[in-house]
Amino acid sequence: MKTAAKITTPHHNPHRYVLLHFDDRYLFVPQADVHAVEIIADAHLTRTATGSVGWFGHGSESPLFCLDKALSLLLEVPESREYFVLLKAAKQPFGLTCDEVENIDLQREHLHRQKLPTVMKTTFSPISQLVIYQSQLGCVCQGADLVHYLTQLSKQFMQGRR
């Protein structure tokens, strides 16, 4: 049986990240920007008018989003998605589904972040740095940038429905 994991950060370590893996995409988010990791079975999955795939919470509901490898919204949750990460945000956490989640210490793993080349920057992209992990390109995103990105995708989705 899968269990949820609370991300605890007794002291901020700038080298600790939560690795989200989905659709052959590695997304690294600072551990300090993550509220919790939960199993998908604990979410209320239902398509919404905001582009989210469901909700999580008791009382203050957190929207749950699903992205593909290109970081575009998916409106259905693939069967491979077993977890979601709750990202810290001003009002309530934002959820992002993933296949696997792992805590990574970049320093201990000898992983070196590289600035995102200017040619790769796009308007709303949450990606700020790149890292090679397991012979594959990984993307580093700050939690606030990822929440802003999800908010922009949601706004675009709602405008397209008018």
Protein backbone atom coordinates (compact mmCIF):
# COMPACT_ATOMS: atom_id res chain seq x y z
CA MET A 1 0.00 0.00 0.00
CA LYS A 2 1.35 3.42 -0.94
CA THR A 3 1.57 6.05 1.75
CA ALA A 4 1.90 9.81 1.62
CA ALA A 5 5.09 11.46 2.77
CA LYS A 6 5.33 14.79 4.54
CA ILE A 7 8.29 16.83 3.35
CA THR A 8 10.04 18.16 6.42
CA THR A 9 12.71 20.81 6.30
CA PRO A 10 14.13 21.40 9.79
CA HIS A 11 16.66 23.77 8.28
CA HIS A 12 16.85 25.03 4.73
CA ASN A 13 19.38 23.15 2.64
CA PRO A 14 19.78 24.72 -0.82
CA HIS A 15 20.99 21.40 -2.24
CA ARG A 16 17.89 19.35 -1.35
CA TYR A 17 15.34 18.97 -4.09
CA VAL A 18 12.24 16.92 -4.72
CA LEU A 19 12.49 15.13 -8.05
CA LEU A 20 9.20 14.75 -9.90
CA HIS A 21 9.30 12.22 -12.71
CA PHE A 22 6.56 12.04 -15.36
CA ASP A 23 6.45 11.32 -19.10
CA ASP A 24 10.24 10.86 -19.20
CA ARG A 25 10.64 14.37 -17.72
CA TYR A 26 12.75 15.05 -14.64
CA LEU A 27 11.60 18.15 -12.77
CA PHE A 28 13.58 19.29 -9.73
CA VAL A 29 11.86 21.56 -7.19
CA PRO A 30 13.60 22.85 -4.05
CA GLN A 31 12.47 20.82 -1.06
CA ALA A 32 11.69 24.05 0.81
CA ASP A 33 9.03 24.87 -1.84
CA VAL A 34 7.15 21.58 -1.34
CA HIS A 35 4.42 21.30 1.27
CA ALA A 36 3.82 17.55 0.98
CA VAL A 37 3.85 14.50 -1.26
CA GLU A 38 0.60 12.53 -1.45
CA ILE A 39 -0.70 9.47 -3.26
CA ILE A 40 -3.08 10.04 -6.15
CA ALA A 41 -5.70 7.80 -4.52
CA ASP A 42 -6.16 10.52 -1.85
CA ALA A 43 -7.22 13.11 -4.43
CA HIS A 44 -10.71 13.82 -5.71
CA LEU A 45 -10.23 13.45 -9.47
CA THR A 46 -12.77 15.32 -11.56
CA ARG A 47 -12.23 17.59 -14.55
CA THR A 48 -12.75 21.25 -13.67
CA ALA A 49 -13.43 24.49 -15.54
CA THR A 50 -9.97 25.74 -14.51
CA GLY A 51 -7.99 23.02 -16.29
CA SER A 52 -7.15 21.14 -13.13
CA VAL A 53 -7.79 17.40 -12.95
CA GLY A 54 -9.19 17.48 -9.45
CA TRP A 55 -8.82 18.65 -5.88
CA PHE A 56 -7.13 17.69 -2.68
CA GLY A 57 -7.81 18.80 0.84
CA HIS A 58 -10.17 19.03 3.68
CA GLY A 59 -11.74 22.47 3.87
CA SER A 60 -9.34 24.60 1.84
CA GLU A 61 -9.19 22.67 -1.41
CA SER A 62 -5.97 22.63 -3.44
CA PRO A 63 -6.24 22.34 -7.24
CA LEU A 64 -4.45 19.38 -8.76
CA PHE A 65 -2.83 19.79 -12.18
CA CYS A 66 -1.40 17.31 -14.63
CA LEU A 67 1.32 18.18 -17.17
CA ASP A 68 2.85 16.28 -20.06
CA LYS A 69 6.51 16.15 -21.09
CA ALA A 70 6.18 19.50 -22.92
CA LEU A 71 4.72 21.02 -19.69
CA SER A 72 1.31 21.44 -21.34
CA LEU A 73 -1.91 20.78 -19.45
CA LEU A 74 -3.37 17.30 -19.56
CA LEU A 75 -7.06 17.07 -18.76
CA GLU A 76 -6.97 13.37 -17.93
CA VAL A 77 -4.63 11.71 -15.42
CA PRO A 78 -2.51 8.98 -17.04
CA GLU A 79 -2.58 5.61 -15.25
CA SER A 80 1.15 5.92 -14.55
CA ARG A 81 0.58 8.88 -12.21
CA GLU A 82 0.72 7.54 -8.68
CA TYR A 83 1.64 10.64 -6.67
CA PHE A 84 1.20 14.36 -6.51
CA VAL A 85 3.30 17.05 -4.93
CA LEU A 86 1.70 19.97 -3.12
CA LEU A 87 3.65 23.13 -3.90
CA LYS A 88 3.58 25.95 -1.39
CA ALA A 89 1.52 28.94 -2.53
CA ALA A 90 0.04 32.08 -0.97
CA LYS A 91 -3.59 30.95 -0.53
CA GLN A 92 -3.48 27.17 -0.74
CA PRO A 93 -0.98 24.65 -2.11
CA PHE A 94 -1.10 23.69 -5.78
CA GLY A 95 -0.87 20.00 -6.65
CA LEU A 96 1.11 18.53 -9.55
CA THR A 97 0.80 14.84 -10.50
CA CYS A 98 3.82 12.65 -11.17
CA ASP A 99 4.75 9.01 -11.72
CA GLU A 100 7.53 8.94 -9.14
CA VAL A 101 8.90 11.25 -6.45
CA GLU A 102 12.31 11.17 -4.86
CA ASN A 103 14.31 13.37 -2.48
CA ILE A 104 17.64 14.31 -4.05
CA ASP A 105 20.61 16.09 -2.53
CA LEU A 106 22.29 17.64 -5.58
CA GLN A 107 25.57 18.14 -3.76
CA ARG A 108 25.74 14.57 -2.48
CA GLU A 109 24.82 13.21 -5.92
CA HIS A 110 27.43 15.47 -7.56
CA LEU A 111 24.80 17.07 -9.78
CA HIS A 112 25.61 20.55 -11.04
CA ARG A 113 22.92 23.03 -12.04
CA GLN A 114 23.52 25.04 -15.20
CA LYS A 115 21.78 28.28 -16.12
CA LEU A 116 19.09 27.92 -18.74
CA PRO A 117 20.50 29.22 -22.04
CA THR A 118 18.81 32.42 -23.22
CA VAL A 119 17.70 30.74 -26.44
CA MET A 120 15.69 28.20 -24.36
CA LYS A 121 13.80 30.79 -22.26
CA THR A 122 10.13 31.29 -23.05
CA THR A 123 7.62 33.75 -21.64
CA PHE A 124 5.96 31.76 -18.87
CA SER A 125 8.33 28.81 -18.56
CA PRO A 126 9.05 27.89 -14.94
CA ILE A 127 12.41 26.33 -15.87
CA SER A 128 15.35 28.30 -14.48
CA GLN A 129 18.21 25.79 -14.66
CA LEU A 130 19.18 22.46 -16.18
CA VAL A 131 20.89 19.44 -14.67
CA ILE A 132 22.01 16.11 -16.13
CA TYR A 133 20.49 13.26 -14.10
CA GLN A 134 20.83 9.59 -15.03
CA SER A 135 22.16 10.58 -18.48
CA GLN A 136 19.06 12.66 -19.14
CA LEU A 137 18.36 16.38 -19.11
CA GLY A 138 16.44 17.51 -16.03
CA CYS A 139 14.76 20.84 -15.41
CA VAL A 140 15.06 22.89 -12.23
CA CYS A 141 12.05 25.00 -11.24
CA GLN A 142 11.44 27.17 -8.21
CA GLY A 143 8.12 26.32 -6.57
CA ALA A 144 6.75 29.87 -6.91
CA ASP A 145 7.61 29.88 -10.63
CA LEU A 146 5.86 26.55 -11.10
CA VAL A 147 2.75 27.80 -9.27
CA HIS A 148 2.77 30.96 -11.42
CA TYR A 149 3.11 28.81 -14.55
CA LEU A 150 0.19 26.58 -13.52
CA THR A 151 -1.87 29.69 -12.78
CA GLN A 152 -1.13 31.07 -16.27
CA LEU A 153 -2.02 27.74 -17.91
CA SER A 154 -5.28 27.71 -15.96
CA LYS A 155 -6.14 31.27 -17.06
CA GLN A 156 -5.40 30.40 -20.70
CA PHE A 157 -7.54 27.28 -20.41
CA MET A 158 -10.48 29.25 -18.97
CA GLN A 159 -10.18 31.96 -21.68
CA GLY A 160 -10.21 29.27 -24.37
CA ARG A 161 -13.48 27.89 -22.99
CA ARG A 162 -15.37 31.18 -23.46
